[in-house]
Amino acid sequence: MITPQEQLDIIIKKITKSLLGKQQTTIRTLGKTFRGFESFDKNNRIDKDEFLIGLKQNGVVLTKFQTDFLLNYLDRNRDGSIDVAEFFYLIRGTPNENRMEVIVQAFKKFDKDNLGYIVADDFKGIFNAKNHPKVTRGELTEDQAYIELLQYFKEGNKSGHITLNEWKEYYAAVSADIEKDDNFIVLMKETWRLK
């Protein structure tokens, strides 16, 4: 019996194989396709039909079962829309060592006592969203990017604590939207005022 994680891995491999040889260009093109859809909103979401159209326009064809499985996985809150950043995270995977180093450095800036968690209230006055990808594309203002960050960490987290794994997951999705390592590292250093 195949597990849900194994099924997801099979689908992701099929998608990446469809993009093989022109992966970065196709991923960028796919992102542009998604952003061009009418339902693409400030939360980086599109509806399910547009998601499937975007995949097909970029050469990705899935079976009905694979399509249903992927849509159910990506639409966790069952609102009929897909989180594009989460999809790109699945495709591109975990940030490389250089990116992960700066992600952890930013976390440690707030976890000075090595408690293993940080509190979002500590971000006030430090967070700088000037170069956030959604701000530079004109999708959000700097204040909206800050609010979005806080809302992301508060969803489903009643303690108000952000663990290192939650932090890494969030920034893996941001990383997936930025092609060059240097650009991502500069973004992190400017956002969290790192040295």
Protein backbone atom coordinates (compact mmCIF):
# COMPACT_ATOMS: atom_id res chain seq x y z
CA MET A 1 0.00 0.00 0.00
CA ILE A 2 1.39 3.36 -1.02
CA THR A 3 1.41 6.10 1.62
CA PRO A 4 0.07 9.63 0.94
CA GLN A 5 3.63 11.01 1.19
CA GLU A 6 4.87 8.46 -1.37
CA GLN A 7 1.97 9.38 -3.68
CA LEU A 8 2.83 13.08 -3.35
CA ASP A 9 6.48 12.31 -4.12
CA ILE A 10 5.46 10.42 -7.28
CA ILE A 11 3.36 13.39 -8.47
CA ILE A 12 6.10 15.93 -7.73
CA LYS A 13 8.67 13.78 -9.58
CA LYS A 14 6.32 13.58 -12.56
CA ILE A 15 5.92 17.37 -12.58
CA THR A 16 9.66 18.03 -12.27
CA LYS A 17 10.36 15.46 -15.02
CA SER A 18 7.92 17.36 -17.27
CA LEU A 19 9.97 20.47 -16.63
CA LEU A 20 13.36 18.72 -16.99
CA GLY A 21 15.96 20.48 -19.10
CA LYS A 22 14.27 23.85 -18.86
CA GLN A 23 13.28 23.77 -15.21
CA GLN A 24 14.18 27.27 -14.03
CA THR A 25 12.74 28.96 -17.11
CA THR A 26 9.60 26.87 -16.92
CA ILE A 27 9.14 27.49 -13.20
CA ARG A 28 9.49 31.24 -13.77
CA THR A 29 7.10 31.01 -16.71
CA LEU A 30 4.67 29.00 -14.62
CA GLY A 31 4.84 31.66 -11.89
CA LYS A 32 4.10 34.37 -14.46
CA THR A 33 1.21 32.29 -15.80
CA PHE A 34 -0.27 31.97 -12.32
CA ARG A 35 0.19 35.69 -11.57
CA GLY A 36 -1.59 36.52 -14.81
CA PHE A 37 -4.80 34.79 -13.77
CA GLU A 38 -7.70 36.96 -12.66
CA SER A 39 -8.15 35.14 -9.36
CA PHE A 40 -4.46 35.53 -8.34
CA ASP A 41 -4.71 37.57 -5.16
CA LYS A 42 -2.48 39.23 -2.62
CA ASN A 43 -2.31 35.98 -0.65
CA ASN A 44 -0.50 34.26 -3.56
CA ARG A 45 -3.54 32.06 -4.29
CA ILE A 46 -5.36 31.03 -7.47
CA ASP A 47 -8.43 28.89 -7.99
CA LYS A 48 -8.14 25.19 -8.77
CA ASP A 49 -9.20 25.45 -12.41
CA GLU A 50 -6.59 28.11 -13.16
CA PHE A 51 -3.96 26.05 -11.36
CA LEU A 52 -4.64 23.11 -13.67
CA ILE A 53 -4.74 25.34 -16.76
CA GLY A 54 -1.40 26.88 -15.76
CA LEU A 55 0.19 23.45 -15.36
CA LYS A 56 -1.15 22.28 -18.73
CA GLN A 57 -0.01 25.47 -20.51
CA ASN A 58 3.48 24.79 -19.20
CA GLY A 59 3.60 21.17 -20.35
CA VAL A 60 2.57 19.35 -17.16
CA VAL A 61 -0.11 16.70 -17.64
CA LEU A 62 -1.36 14.63 -14.68
CA THR A 63 -3.90 11.82 -14.42
CA LYS A 64 -7.29 12.61 -12.86
CA PHE A 65 -6.26 10.76 -9.69
CA GLN A 66 -2.97 12.69 -9.47
CA THR A 67 -4.76 15.97 -10.13
CA ASP A 68 -7.36 15.32 -7.42
CA PHE A 69 -4.68 14.20 -4.96
CA LEU A 70 -2.50 17.27 -5.58
CA LEU A 71 -5.44 19.70 -5.40
CA ASN A 72 -6.61 18.17 -2.10
CA TYR A 73 -3.09 18.41 -0.72
CA LEU A 74 -2.60 22.06 -1.75
CA ASP A 75 -6.11 23.22 -0.73
CA ARG A 76 -5.79 22.36 2.95
CA ASN A 77 -8.33 24.89 4.17
CA ARG A 78 -10.82 23.71 1.50
CA ASP A 79 -11.60 27.19 0.17
CA GLY A 80 -11.22 26.17 -3.47
CA SER A 81 -7.90 27.94 -3.99
CA ILE A 82 -4.27 26.89 -4.22
CA ASP A 83 -1.28 28.44 -2.42
CA VAL A 84 1.16 29.00 -5.28
CA ALA A 85 4.16 29.53 -2.97
CA GLU A 86 3.55 26.19 -1.27
CA PHE A 87 3.38 24.49 -4.67
CA PHE A 88 6.71 26.02 -5.73
CA TYR A 89 8.22 24.90 -2.41
CA LEU A 90 7.18 21.34 -3.25
CA ILE A 91 8.77 21.63 -6.69
CA ARG A 92 12.01 23.32 -5.67
CA GLY A 93 12.42 21.61 -2.30
CA THR A 94 14.37 22.65 0.76
CA PRO A 95 16.58 25.74 0.56
CA ASN A 96 20.26 24.98 0.01
CA GLU A 97 22.89 25.27 2.76
CA ASN A 98 23.71 28.96 2.09
CA ARG A 99 20.05 29.95 2.25
CA MET A 100 19.36 27.78 5.28
CA GLU A 101 22.28 29.37 7.11
CA VAL A 102 20.80 32.87 6.83
CA ILE A 103 17.30 31.57 7.69
CA VAL A 104 18.66 30.08 10.93
CA GLN A 105 20.75 33.22 11.60
CA ALA A 106 17.58 35.34 11.48
CA PHE A 107 15.78 32.94 13.85
CA LYS A 108 18.68 33.01 16.32
CA LYS A 109 18.57 36.81 16.36
CA PHE A 110 15.28 36.48 18.24
CA ASP A 111 16.05 33.27 20.17
CA LYS A 112 18.91 34.71 22.22
CA ASP A 113 18.19 32.39 25.17
CA ASN A 114 18.15 29.25 22.97
CA LEU A 115 14.61 28.36 24.00
CA GLY A 116 13.86 26.82 20.60
CA TYR A 117 11.09 29.26 19.80
CA ILE A 118 10.58 32.95 19.13
CA VAL A 119 7.64 35.33 19.57
CA ALA A 120 6.28 37.38 16.69
CA ASP A 121 5.81 40.45 18.90
CA ASP A 122 9.62 40.76 18.95
CA PHE A 123 9.61 41.54 15.20
CA LYS A 124 8.09 44.98 15.61
CA GLY A 125 10.50 47.74 14.67
CA ILE A 126 12.95 45.28 13.09
CA PHE A 127 11.04 43.73 10.17
CA ASN A 128 11.87 45.54 6.92
CA ALA A 129 9.74 44.43 3.95
CA LYS A 130 11.12 46.88 1.38
CA ASN A 131 12.58 44.05 -0.76
CA HIS A 132 9.99 41.35 -0.03
CA PRO A 133 9.09 39.70 -3.39
CA LYS A 134 5.40 40.63 -3.09
CA VAL A 135 6.29 44.23 -2.20
CA THR A 136 8.67 44.62 -5.14
CA ARG A 137 6.02 43.19 -7.49
CA GLY A 138 3.49 45.70 -6.12
CA GLU A 139 1.20 43.01 -4.69
CA LEU A 140 1.56 44.19 -1.08
CA THR A 141 2.65 47.29 0.79
CA GLU A 142 5.38 46.92 3.42
CA ASP A 143 2.75 47.10 6.18
CA GLN A 144 0.65 44.42 4.47
CA ALA A 145 3.71 42.16 4.17
CA TYR A 146 4.30 42.52 7.92
CA ILE A 147 0.65 41.74 8.68
CA GLU A 148 0.78 38.73 6.34
CA LEU A 149 3.88 37.43 8.15
CA LEU A 150 2.19 37.76 11.54
CA GLN A 151 -1.01 36.13 10.30
CA TYR A 152 0.92 33.22 8.83
CA PHE A 153 2.53 32.40 12.15
CA LYS A 154 -0.62 32.99 14.19
CA GLU A 155 -2.75 30.61 12.08
CA GLY A 156 -3.08 27.37 14.02
CA ASN A 157 -0.54 28.49 16.63
CA LYS A 158 -2.35 29.36 19.85
CA SER A 159 0.83 29.54 21.94
CA GLY A 160 2.20 32.51 20.00
CA HIS A 161 5.55 30.71 19.80
CA ILE A 162 7.26 30.14 16.45
CA THR A 163 9.52 27.09 16.35
CA LEU A 164 12.63 26.83 14.21
CA ASN A 165 10.88 24.26 11.99
CA GLU A 166 7.92 26.63 11.42
CA TRP A 167 10.38 29.43 10.63
CA LYS A 168 12.28 27.21 8.16
CA GLU A 169 9.03 26.13 6.48
CA TYR A 170 7.90 29.72 6.01
CA TYR A 171 11.21 30.84 4.56
CA ALA A 172 11.49 27.74 2.35
CA ALA A 173 8.34 28.98 0.60
CA VAL A 174 9.80 32.51 0.27
CA SER A 175 13.07 31.00 -0.98
CA ALA A 176 11.21 29.04 -3.66
CA ASP A 177 10.04 32.35 -5.14
CA ILE A 178 13.61 33.75 -5.47
CA GLU A 179 15.90 32.22 -8.08
CA LYS A 180 19.35 33.51 -7.08
CA ASP A 181 20.99 32.68 -3.74
CA ASP A 182 22.56 36.13 -3.44
CA ASN A 183 19.17 37.83 -3.83
CA PHE A 184 17.61 35.62 -1.16
CA ILE A 185 20.49 36.20 1.27
CA VAL A 186 20.34 39.98 0.75
CA LEU A 187 16.58 39.86 1.26
CA MET A 188 16.95 38.01 4.58
CA LYS A 189 19.73 40.30 5.81
CA GLU A 190 17.80 43.44 4.95
CA THR A 191 14.47 42.11 6.25
CA TRP A 192 15.86 41.17 9.66
CA ARG A 193 18.73 43.69 9.80
CA LEU A 194 21.41 41.00 10.00
CA LYS A 195 25.15 41.64 9.70
